[in-house]
Amino acid sequence: MTKQIVVEQIEVTSNGTVQVRMHKLSSDGDVIGNHRTSLPPATDINAQVAAVNAHMATENYSAIPDADIVKLTAICNTVWTAEVIAAYQAAQAAAEAARNA
């Protein structure tokens, strides 16, 4: 039996970033750790999931379950309105301009 990773919590921050906490489960189903990832507005969800899956595969974990990906995608698509994306990008551009000033 392989080790599994399952989404335990999905949280949306005030700027629209979606934070995901996953439990790392032993082959017996015991929680042995956590893994986290963040998706700022307009992130390529499939690419982020693929990156997490590739990383977790190096530790012999199975891929994130499809049902968890469906939930994550639905939440991101609901939260990431055009207004949220524009506000996030404007804030990032302002922060970059301040760093370069």
PDB file of N, CA and C in Angstrom:
ATOM      1  N   MET A   1       0.841  -1.186   0.000  1.00  0.00           N
ATOM      2  CA  MET A   1       0.000   0.000   0.000  1.00  0.00           C
ATOM      3  C   MET A   1       0.883   1.244   0.000  1.00  0.00           C
ATOM      4  N   THR A   2       0.508   2.249  -0.786  1.00  0.00           N
ATOM      5  CA  THR A   2       1.312   3.455  -0.875  1.00  0.00           C
ATOM      6  C   THR A   2       0.843   4.511   0.114  1.00  0.00           C
ATOM      7  N   LYS A   3       1.729   5.442   0.365  1.00  0.00           N
ATOM      8  CA  LYS A   3       1.375   6.573   1.203  1.00  0.00           C
ATOM      9  C   LYS A   3       0.461   7.491   0.384  1.00  0.00           C
ATOM     10  N   GLN A   4      -0.424   8.190   1.073  1.00  0.00           N
ATOM     11  CA  GLN A   4      -1.376   9.052   0.386  1.00  0.00           C
ATOM     12  C   GLN A   4      -1.257  10.483   0.868  1.00  0.00           C
ATOM     13  N   ILE A   5      -1.739  11.385   0.034  1.00  0.00           N
ATOM     14  CA  ILE A   5      -1.862  12.780   0.412  1.00  0.00           C
ATOM     15  C   ILE A   5      -3.312  13.180   0.139  1.00  0.00           C
ATOM     16  N   VAL A   6      -3.933  13.841   1.109  1.00  0.00           N
ATOM     17  CA  VAL A   6      -5.321  14.280   0.951  1.00  0.00           C
ATOM     18  C   VAL A   6      -5.451  15.726   1.408  1.00  0.00           C
ATOM     19  N   VAL A   7      -6.298  16.462   0.730  1.00  0.00           N
ATOM     20  CA  VAL A   7      -6.537  17.846   1.104  1.00  0.00           C
ATOM     21  C   VAL A   7      -7.304  17.865   2.417  1.00  0.00           C
ATOM     22  N   GLU A   8      -6.777  18.589   3.381  1.00  0.00           N
ATOM     23  CA  GLU A   8      -7.386  18.673   4.705  1.00  0.00           C
ATOM     24  C   GLU A   8      -8.095  20.009   4.890  1.00  0.00           C
ATOM     25  N   GLN A   9      -7.529  21.091   4.326  1.00  0.00           N
ATOM     26  CA  GLN A   9      -8.124  22.414   4.508  1.00  0.00           C
ATOM     27  C   GLN A   9      -7.831  23.274   3.293  1.00  0.00           C
ATOM     28  N   ILE A  10      -8.843  24.028   2.874  1.00  0.00           N
ATOM     29  CA  ILE A  10      -8.689  25.031   1.824  1.00  0.00           C
ATOM     30  C   ILE A  10      -9.155  26.349   2.431  1.00  0.00           C
ATOM     31  N   GLU A  11      -8.288  27.346   2.373  1.00  0.00           N
ATOM     32  CA  GLU A  11      -8.575  28.640   2.998  1.00  0.00           C
ATOM     33  C   GLU A  11      -8.348  29.748   1.983  1.00  0.00           C
ATOM     34  N   VAL A  12      -9.218  30.742   1.993  1.00  0.00           N
ATOM     35  CA  VAL A  12      -9.089  31.887   1.100  1.00  0.00           C
ATOM     36  C   VAL A  12      -8.668  33.091   1.929  1.00  0.00           C
ATOM     37  N   THR A  13      -7.573  33.738   1.526  1.00  0.00           N
ATOM     38  CA  THR A  13      -7.098  34.916   2.247  1.00  0.00           C
ATOM     39  C   THR A  13      -7.798  36.165   1.718  1.00  0.00           C
ATOM     40  N   SER A  14      -7.575  37.277   2.390  1.00  0.00           N
ATOM     41  CA  SER A  14      -8.258  38.524   2.032  1.00  0.00           C
ATOM     42  C   SER A  14      -7.899  39.028   0.635  1.00  0.00           C
ATOM     43  N   ASN A  15      -6.731  38.646   0.110  1.00  0.00           N
ATOM     44  CA  ASN A  15      -6.366  39.106  -1.233  1.00  0.00           C
ATOM     45  C   ASN A  15      -6.723  38.087  -2.319  1.00  0.00           C
ATOM     46  N   GLY A  16      -7.433  37.018  -1.946  1.00  0.00           N
ATOM     47  CA  GLY A  16      -7.876  36.027  -2.919  1.00  0.00           C
ATOM     48  C   GLY A  16      -6.955  34.842  -3.080  1.00  0.00           C
ATOM     49  N   THR A  17      -5.835  34.834  -2.372  1.00  0.00           N
ATOM     50  CA  THR A  17      -4.939  33.679  -2.437  1.00  0.00           C
ATOM     51  C   THR A  17      -5.620  32.489  -1.771  1.00  0.00           C
ATOM     52  N   VAL A  18      -5.542  31.351  -2.425  1.00  0.00           N
ATOM     53  CA  VAL A  18      -6.124  30.120  -1.892  1.00  0.00           C
ATOM     54  C   VAL A  18      -4.979  29.289  -1.319  1.00  0.00           C
ATOM     55  N   GLN A  19      -5.058  29.020  -0.021  1.00  0.00           N
ATOM     56  CA  GLN A  19      -4.037  28.228   0.656  1.00  0.00           C
ATOM     57  C   GLN A  19      -4.594  26.830   0.896  1.00  0.00           C
ATOM     58  N   VAL A  20      -3.760  25.839   0.634  1.00  0.00           N
ATOM     59  CA  VAL A  20      -4.196  24.452   0.753  1.00  0.00           C
ATOM     60  C   VAL A  20      -3.268  23.714   1.706  1.00  0.00           C
ATOM     61  N   ARG A  21      -3.860  23.068   2.702  1.00  0.00           N
ATOM     62  CA  ARG A  21      -3.093  22.209   3.605  1.00  0.00           C
ATOM     63  C   ARG A  21      -3.521  20.772   3.336  1.00  0.00           C
ATOM     64  N   MET A  22      -2.533  19.919   3.133  1.00  0.00           N
ATOM     65  CA  MET A  22      -2.776  18.511   2.858  1.00  0.00           C
ATOM     66  C   MET A  22      -2.158  17.656   3.947  1.00  0.00           C
ATOM     67  N   HIS A  23      -2.843  16.587   4.311  1.00  0.00           N
ATOM     68  CA  HIS A  23      -2.281  15.613   5.241  1.00  0.00           C
ATOM     69  C   HIS A  23      -1.492  14.585   4.450  1.00  0.00           C
ATOM     70  N   LYS A  24      -0.328  14.253   4.964  1.00  0.00           N
ATOM     71  CA  LYS A  24       0.469  13.155   4.435  1.00  0.00           C
ATOM     72  C   LYS A  24       0.128  11.933   5.290  1.00  0.00           C
ATOM     73  N   LEU A  25      -0.440  10.919   4.653  1.00  0.00           N
ATOM     74  CA  LEU A  25      -0.893   9.735   5.373  1.00  0.00           C
ATOM     75  C   LEU A  25       0.043   8.563   5.137  1.00  0.00           C
ATOM     76  N   SER A  26       0.298   7.810   6.203  1.00  0.00           N
ATOM     77  CA  SER A  26       1.106   6.599   6.080  1.00  0.00           C
ATOM     78  C   SER A  26       0.285   5.550   5.353  1.00  0.00           C
ATOM     79  N   SER A  27       0.919   4.448   5.029  1.00  0.00           N
ATOM     80  CA  SER A  27       0.198   3.362   4.366  1.00  0.00           C
ATOM     81  C   SER A  27      -0.885   2.790   5.263  1.00  0.00           C
ATOM     82  N   ASP A  28      -0.808   3.055   6.568  1.00  0.00           N
ATOM     83  CA  ASP A  28      -1.841   2.617   7.519  1.00  0.00           C
ATOM     84  C   ASP A  28      -2.954   3.655   7.676  1.00  0.00           C
ATOM     85  N   GLY A  29      -2.802   4.834   7.054  1.00  0.00           N
ATOM     86  CA  GLY A  29      -3.804   5.880   7.160  1.00  0.00           C
ATOM     87  C   GLY A  29      -3.568   6.878   8.269  1.00  0.00           C
ATOM     88  N   ASP A  30      -2.454   6.744   8.976  1.00  0.00           N
ATOM     89  CA  ASP A  30      -2.125   7.689  10.047  1.00  0.00           C
ATOM     90  C   ASP A  30      -1.528   8.970   9.454  1.00  0.00           C
ATOM     91  N   VAL A  31      -1.894  10.117  10.026  1.00  0.00           N
ATOM     92  CA  VAL A  31      -1.316  11.386   9.592  1.00  0.00           C
ATOM     93  C   VAL A  31       0.116  11.458  10.103  1.00  0.00           C
ATOM     94  N   ILE A  32       1.057  11.615   9.168  1.00  0.00           N
ATOM     95  CA  ILE A  32       2.465  11.678   9.563  1.00  0.00           C
ATOM     96  C   ILE A  32       3.101  13.030   9.239  1.00  0.00           C
ATOM     97  N   GLY A  33       2.301  13.931   8.698  1.00  0.00           N
ATOM     98  CA  GLY A  33       2.829  15.253   8.390  1.00  0.00           C
ATOM     99  C   GLY A  33       1.858  16.020   7.524  1.00  0.00           C
ATOM    100  N   ASN A  34       2.257  17.232   7.190  1.00  0.00           N
ATOM    101  CA  ASN A  34       1.440  18.095   6.341  1.00  0.00           C
ATOM    102  C   ASN A  34       2.280  18.636   5.200  1.00  0.00           C
ATOM    103  N   HIS A  35       1.598  19.036   4.162  1.00  0.00           N
ATOM    104  CA  HIS A  35       2.215  19.722   3.036  1.00  0.00           C
ATOM    105  C   HIS A  35       1.299  20.893   2.702  1.00  0.00           C
ATOM    106  N   ARG A  36       1.879  22.030   2.379  1.00  0.00           N
ATOM    107  CA  ARG A  36       1.081  23.212   2.076  1.00  0.00           C
ATOM    108  C   ARG A  36       1.476  23.778   0.716  1.00  0.00           C
ATOM    109  N   THR A  37       0.508  24.417   0.094  1.00  0.00           N
ATOM    110  CA  THR A  37       0.771  25.156  -1.126  1.00  0.00           C
ATOM    111  C   THR A  37      -0.192  26.326  -1.187  1.00  0.00           C
ATOM    112  N   SER A  38       0.209  27.378  -1.883  1.00  0.00           N
ATOM    113  CA  SER A  38      -0.628  28.569  -2.044  1.00  0.00           C
ATOM    114  C   SER A  38      -0.828  28.851  -3.521  1.00  0.00           C
ATOM    115  N   LEU A  39      -2.031  29.296  -3.843  1.00  0.00           N
ATOM    116  CA  LEU A  39      -2.361  29.637  -5.220  1.00  0.00           C
ATOM    117  C   LEU A  39      -2.864  31.078  -5.261  1.00  0.00           C
ATOM    118  N   PRO A  40      -2.011  32.020  -5.657  1.00  0.00           N
ATOM    119  CA  PRO A  40      -2.473  33.398  -5.821  1.00  0.00           C
ATOM    120  C   PRO A  40      -3.518  33.470  -6.939  1.00  0.00           C
ATOM    121  N   PRO A  41      -4.346  34.511  -6.943  1.00  0.00           N
ATOM    122  CA  PRO A  41      -5.354  34.636  -7.995  1.00  0.00           C
ATOM    123  C   PRO A  41      -4.762  34.485  -9.396  1.00  0.00           C
ATOM    124  N   ALA A  42      -5.478  33.743 -10.230  1.00  0.00           N
ATOM    125  CA  ALA A  42      -5.139  33.484 -11.638  1.00  0.00           C
ATOM    126  C   ALA A  42      -4.005  32.471 -11.811  1.00  0.00           C
ATOM    127  N   THR A  43      -3.634  31.757 -10.751  1.00  0.00           N
ATOM    128  CA  THR A  43      -2.633  30.694 -10.869  1.00  0.00           C
ATOM    129  C   THR A  43      -3.178  29.581 -11.751  1.00  0.00           C
ATOM    130  N   ASP A  44      -2.312  28.951 -12.520  1.00  0.00           N
ATOM    131  CA  ASP A  44      -2.693  27.769 -13.293  1.00  0.00           C
ATOM    132  C   ASP A  44      -2.863  26.623 -12.300  1.00  0.00           C
ATOM    133  N   ILE A  45      -4.094  26.291 -11.992  1.00  0.00           N
ATOM    134  CA  ILE A  45      -4.393  25.284 -10.967  1.00  0.00           C
ATOM    135  C   ILE A  45      -3.800  23.931 -11.349  1.00  0.00           C
ATOM    136  N   ASN A  46      -3.968  23.533 -12.606  1.00  0.00           N
ATOM    137  CA  ASN A  46      -3.453  22.225 -13.043  1.00  0.00           C
ATOM    138  C   ASN A  46      -1.936  22.154 -12.921  1.00  0.00           C
ATOM    139  N   ALA A  47      -1.257  23.235 -13.248  1.00  0.00           N
ATOM    140  CA  ALA A  47       0.200  23.253 -13.143  1.00  0.00           C
ATOM    141  C   ALA A  47       0.633  23.164 -11.681  1.00  0.00           C
ATOM    142  N   GLN A  48      -0.084  23.852 -10.790  1.00  0.00           N
ATOM    143  CA  GLN A  48       0.259  23.806  -9.369  1.00  0.00           C
ATOM    144  C   GLN A  48       0.031  22.414  -8.804  1.00  0.00           C
ATOM    145  N   VAL A  49      -1.092  21.798  -9.166  1.00  0.00           N
ATOM    146  CA  VAL A  49      -1.382  20.431  -8.710  1.00  0.00           C
ATOM    147  C   VAL A  49      -0.318  19.477  -9.240  1.00  0.00           C
ATOM    148  N   ALA A  50       0.066  19.639 -10.502  1.00  0.00           N
ATOM    149  CA  ALA A  50       1.096  18.777 -11.085  1.00  0.00           C
ATOM    150  C   ALA A  50       2.423  18.938 -10.350  1.00  0.00           C
ATOM    151  N   ALA A  51       2.767  20.173  -9.976  1.00  0.00           N
ATOM    152  CA  ALA A  51       4.012  20.418  -9.248  1.00  0.00           C
ATOM    153  C   ALA A  51       3.976  19.759  -7.873  1.00  0.00           C
ATOM    154  N   VAL A  52       2.848  19.880  -7.171  1.00  0.00           N
ATOM    155  CA  VAL A  52       2.716  19.238  -5.858  1.00  0.00           C
ATOM    156  C   VAL A  52       2.802  17.724  -6.017  1.00  0.00           C
ATOM    157  N   ASN A  53       2.083  17.183  -6.995  1.00  0.00           N
ATOM    158  CA  ASN A  53       2.116  15.732  -7.212  1.00  0.00           C
ATOM    159  C   ASN A  53       3.525  15.240  -7.536  1.00  0.00           C
ATOM    160  N   ALA A  54       4.248  15.988  -8.352  1.00  0.00           N
ATOM    161  CA  ALA A  54       5.616  15.593  -8.706  1.00  0.00           C
ATOM    162  C   ALA A  54       6.510  15.614  -7.464  1.00  0.00           C
ATOM    163  N   HIS A  55       6.362  16.645  -6.654  1.00  0.00           N
ATOM    164  CA  HIS A  55       7.165  16.731  -5.429  1.00  0.00           C
ATOM    165  C   HIS A  55       6.827  15.581  -4.477  1.00  0.00           C
ATOM    166  N   MET A  56       5.542  15.343  -4.279  1.00  0.00           N
ATOM    167  CA  MET A  56       5.133  14.296  -3.347  1.00  0.00           C
ATOM    168  C   MET A  56       5.523  12.908  -3.859  1.00  0.00           C
ATOM    169  N   ALA A  57       5.594  12.731  -5.161  1.00  0.00           N
ATOM    170  CA  ALA A  57       6.018  11.445  -5.726  1.00  0.00           C
ATOM    171  C   ALA A  57       7.462  11.131  -5.337  1.00  0.00           C
ATOM    172  N   THR A  58       8.279  12.177  -5.142  1.00  0.00           N
ATOM    173  CA  THR A  58       9.665  11.934  -4.730  1.00  0.00           C
ATOM    174  C   THR A  58       9.728  11.344  -3.322  1.00  0.00           C
ATOM    175  N   GLU A  59       8.634  11.487  -2.565  1.00  0.00           N
ATOM    176  CA  GLU A  59       8.543  10.918  -1.223  1.00  0.00           C
ATOM    177  C   GLU A  59       7.626   9.685  -1.202  1.00  0.00           C
ATOM    178  N   ASN A  60       7.317   9.181  -2.394  1.00  0.00           N
ATOM    179  CA  ASN A  60       6.488   7.978  -2.560  1.00  0.00           C
ATOM    180  C   ASN A  60       5.042   8.150  -2.115  1.00  0.00           C
ATOM    181  N   TYR A  61       4.479   9.341  -2.332  1.00  0.00           N
ATOM    182  CA  TYR A  61       3.067   9.581  -2.056  1.00  0.00           C
ATOM    183  C   TYR A  61       2.286   9.492  -3.357  1.00  0.00           C
ATOM    184  N   SER A  62       1.032   9.045  -3.248  1.00  0.00           N
ATOM    185  CA  SER A  62       0.149   9.027  -4.403  1.00  0.00           C
ATOM    186  C   SER A  62      -0.244  10.465  -4.746  1.00  0.00           C
ATOM    187  N   ALA A  63      -0.839  10.637  -5.911  1.00  0.00           N
ATOM    188  CA  ALA A  63      -1.273  11.958  -6.356  1.00  0.00           C
ATOM    189  C   ALA A  63      -2.462  12.444  -5.518  1.00  0.00           C
ATOM    190  N   ILE A  64      -2.669  13.740  -5.523  1.00  0.00           N
ATOM    191  CA  ILE A  64      -3.842  14.317  -4.858  1.00  0.00           C
ATOM    192  C   ILE A  64      -5.080  13.692  -5.485  1.00  0.00           C
ATOM    193  N   PRO A  65      -6.019  13.232  -4.679  1.00  0.00           N
ATOM    194  CA  PRO A  65      -7.226  12.599  -5.235  1.00  0.00           C
ATOM    195  C   PRO A  65      -8.008  13.547  -6.149  1.00  0.00           C
ATOM    196  N   ASP A  66      -8.587  12.985  -7.201  1.00  0.00           N
ATOM    197  CA  ASP A  66      -9.351  13.784  -8.162  1.00  0.00           C
ATOM    198  C   ASP A  66     -10.466  14.580  -7.493  1.00  0.00           C
ATOM    199  N   ALA A  67     -11.150  13.988  -6.530  1.00  0.00           N
ATOM    200  CA  ALA A  67     -12.248  14.697  -5.853  1.00  0.00           C
ATOM    201  C   ALA A  67     -11.739  15.948  -5.148  1.00  0.00           C
ATOM    202  N   ASP A  68     -10.545  15.885  -4.580  1.00  0.00           N
ATOM    203  CA  ASP A  68      -9.960  17.054  -3.919  1.00  0.00           C
ATOM    204  C   ASP A  68      -9.595  18.125  -4.945  1.00  0.00           C
ATOM    205  N   ILE A  69      -9.123  17.712  -6.107  1.00  0.00           N
ATOM    206  CA  ILE A  69      -8.775  18.663  -7.164  1.00  0.00           C
ATOM    207  C   ILE A  69     -10.036  19.356  -7.682  1.00  0.00           C
ATOM    208  N   VAL A  70     -11.112  18.594  -7.814  1.00  0.00           N
ATOM    209  CA  VAL A  70     -12.383  19.176  -8.257  1.00  0.00           C
ATOM    210  C   VAL A  70     -12.848  20.243  -7.269  1.00  0.00           C
ATOM    211  N   LYS A  71     -12.775  19.946  -5.962  1.00  0.00           N
ATOM    212  CA  LYS A  71     -13.168  20.916  -4.923  1.00  0.00           C
ATOM    213  C   LYS A  71     -12.290  22.164  -4.985  1.00  0.00           C
ATOM    214  N   LEU A  72     -10.983  21.955  -5.061  1.00  0.00           N
ATOM    215  CA  LEU A  72     -10.040  23.072  -5.107  1.00  0.00           C
ATOM    216  C   LEU A  72     -10.317  23.956  -6.325  1.00  0.00           C
ATOM    217  N   THR A  73     -10.507  23.337  -7.467  1.00  0.00           N
ATOM    218  CA  THR A  73     -10.773  24.078  -8.701  1.00  0.00           C
ATOM    219  C   THR A  73     -12.061  24.884  -8.586  1.00  0.00           C
ATOM    220  N   ALA A  74     -13.100  24.278  -8.027  1.00  0.00           N
ATOM    221  CA  ALA A  74     -14.376  24.979  -7.875  1.00  0.00           C
ATOM    222  C   ALA A  74     -14.225  26.196  -6.961  1.00  0.00           C
ATOM    223  N   ILE A  75     -13.491  26.036  -5.886  1.00  0.00           N
ATOM    224  CA  ILE A  75     -13.284  27.160  -4.964  1.00  0.00           C
ATOM    225  C   ILE A  75     -12.494  28.268  -5.649  1.00  0.00           C
ATOM    226  N   CYS A  76     -11.415  27.916  -6.306  1.00  0.00           N
ATOM    227  CA  CYS A  76     -10.608  28.929  -7.003  1.00  0.00           C
ATOM    228  C   CYS A  76     -11.436  29.656  -8.055  1.00  0.00           C
ATOM    229  N   ASN A  77     -12.188  28.911  -8.850  1.00  0.00           N
ATOM    230  CA  ASN A  77     -12.980  29.532  -9.911  1.00  0.00           C
ATOM    231  C   ASN A  77     -14.082  30.427  -9.354  1.00  0.00           C
ATOM    232  N   THR A  78     -14.562  30.133  -8.165  1.00  0.00           N
ATOM    233  CA  THR A  78     -15.585  30.971  -7.525  1.00  0.00           C
ATOM    234  C   THR A  78     -14.965  32.239  -6.947  1.00  0.00           C
ATOM    235  N   VAL A  79     -13.839  32.081  -6.297  1.00  0.00           N
ATOM    236  CA  VAL A  79     -13.190  33.202  -5.604  1.00  0.00           C
ATOM    237  C   VAL A  79     -12.511  34.160  -6.575  1.00  0.00           C
ATOM    238  N   TRP A  80     -11.898  33.625  -7.590  1.00  0.00           N
ATOM    239  CA  TRP A  80     -11.091  34.446  -8.496  1.00  0.00           C
ATOM    240  C   TRP A  80     -11.945  35.153  -9.548  1.00  0.00           C
ATOM    241  N   THR A  81     -12.722  36.109  -9.100  1.00  0.00           N
ATOM    242  CA  THR A  81     -13.491  36.938 -10.027  1.00  0.00           C
ATOM    243  C   THR A  81     -12.527  37.869 -10.758  1.00  0.00           C
ATOM    244  N   ALA A  82     -13.016  38.496 -11.809  1.00  0.00           N
ATOM    245  CA  ALA A  82     -12.181  39.453 -12.546  1.00  0.00           C
ATOM    246  C   ALA A  82     -11.704  40.575 -11.626  1.00  0.00           C
ATOM    247  N   GLU A  83     -12.562  40.983 -10.702  1.00  0.00           N
ATOM    248  CA  GLU A  83     -12.208  42.061  -9.775  1.00  0.00           C
ATOM    249  C   GLU A  83     -11.107  41.626  -8.813  1.00  0.00           C
ATOM    250  N   VAL A  84     -11.202  40.421  -8.296  1.00  0.00           N
ATOM    251  CA  VAL A  84     -10.192  39.903  -7.365  1.00  0.00           C
ATOM    252  C   VAL A  84      -8.844  39.777  -8.075  1.00  0.00           C
ATOM    253  N   ILE A  85      -8.863  39.247  -9.282  1.00  0.00           N
ATOM    254  CA  ILE A  85      -7.617  39.092 -10.049  1.00  0.00           C
ATOM    255  C   ILE A  85      -7.001  40.460 -10.332  1.00  0.00           C
ATOM    256  N   ALA A  86      -7.812  41.410 -10.771  1.00  0.00           N
ATOM    257  CA  ALA A  86      -7.298  42.763 -11.074  1.00  0.00           C
ATOM    258  C   ALA A  86      -6.716  43.422  -9.829  1.00  0.00           C
ATOM    259  N   ALA A  87      -7.401  43.299  -8.702  1.00  0.00           N
ATOM    260  CA  ALA A  87      -6.903  43.905  -7.460  1.00  0.00           C
ATOM    261  C   ALA A  87      -5.599  43.252  -7.027  1.00  0.00           C
ATOM    262  N   TYR A  88      -5.513  41.944  -7.145  1.00  0.00           N
ATOM    263  CA  TYR A  88      -4.291  41.235  -6.766  1.00  0.00           C
ATOM    264  C   TYR A  88      -3.134  41.678  -7.663  1.00  0.00           C
ATOM    265  N   GLN A  89      -3.368  41.708  -8.977  1.00  0.00           N
ATOM    266  CA  GLN A  89      -2.314  42.100  -9.911  1.00  0.00           C
ATOM    267  C   GLN A  89      -1.886  43.548  -9.692  1.00  0.00           C
ATOM    268  N   ALA A  90      -2.838  44.432  -9.374  1.00  0.00           N
ATOM    269  CA  ALA A  90      -2.494  45.830  -9.096  1.00  0.00           C
ATOM    270  C   ALA A  90      -1.639  45.936  -7.840  1.00  0.00           C
ATOM    271  N   ALA A  91      -1.986  45.173  -6.823  1.00  0.00           N
ATOM    272  CA  ALA A  91      -1.194  45.178  -5.584  1.00  0.00           C
ATOM    273  C   ALA A  91       0.209  44.645  -5.819  1.00  0.00           C
ATOM    274  N   GLN A  92       0.312  43.612  -6.634  1.00  0.00           N
ATOM    275  CA  GLN A  92       1.635  43.057  -6.952  1.00  0.00           C
ATOM    276  C   GLN A  92       2.462  44.052  -7.751  1.00  0.00           C
ATOM    277  N   ALA A  93       1.839  44.736  -8.701  1.00  0.00           N
ATOM    278  CA  ALA A  93       2.547  45.742  -9.507  1.00  0.00           C
ATOM    279  C   ALA A  93       2.995  46.910  -8.629  1.00  0.00           C
ATOM    280  N   ALA A  94       2.154  47.331  -7.696  1.00  0.00           N
ATOM    281  CA  ALA A  94       2.528  48.424  -6.790  1.00  0.00           C
ATOM    282  C   ALA A  94       3.681  48.010  -5.885  1.00  0.00           C
ATOM    283  N   ALA A  95       3.650  46.789  -5.403  1.00  0.00           N
ATOM    284  CA  ALA A  95       4.748  46.298  -4.555  1.00  0.00           C
ATOM    285  C   ALA A  95       6.044  46.211  -5.349  1.00  0.00           C
ATOM    286  N   GLU A  96       5.964  45.788  -6.580  1.00  0.00           N
ATOM    287  CA  GLU A  96       7.162  45.706  -7.439  1.00  0.00           C
ATOM    288  C   GLU A  96       7.708  47.102  -7.715  1.00  0.00           C
ATOM    289  N   ALA A  97       6.823  48.041  -8.002  1.00  0.00           N
ATOM    290  CA  ALA A  97       7.248  49.425  -8.261  1.00  0.00           C
ATOM    291  C   ALA A  97       7.917  50.015  -7.028  1.00  0.00           C
ATOM    292  N   ALA A  98       7.393  49.734  -5.847  1.00  0.00           N
ATOM    293  CA  ALA A  98       7.987  50.236  -4.598  1.00  0.00           C
ATOM    294  C   ALA A  98       9.366  49.637  -4.378  1.00  0.00           C
ATOM    295  N   ARG A  99       9.533  48.357  -4.716  1.00  0.00           N
ATOM    296  CA  ARG A  99      10.851  47.722  -4.559  1.00  0.00           C
ATOM    297  C   ARG A  99      11.878  48.331  -5.510  1.00  0.00           C
ATOM    298  N   ASN A 100      11.412  48.728  -6.696  1.00  0.00           N
ATOM    299  CA  ASN A 100      12.330  49.249  -7.712  1.00  0.00           C
ATOM    300  C   ASN A 100      12.531  50.754  -7.625  1.00  0.00           C
ATOM    301  N   ALA A 101      11.828  51.411  -6.712  1.00  0.00           N
ATOM    302  CA  ALA A 101      11.931  52.884  -6.602  1.00  0.00           C
ATOM    303  C   ALA A 101      13.206  53.293  -5.900  1.00  0.00           C
TER     304      ALA A 101
END
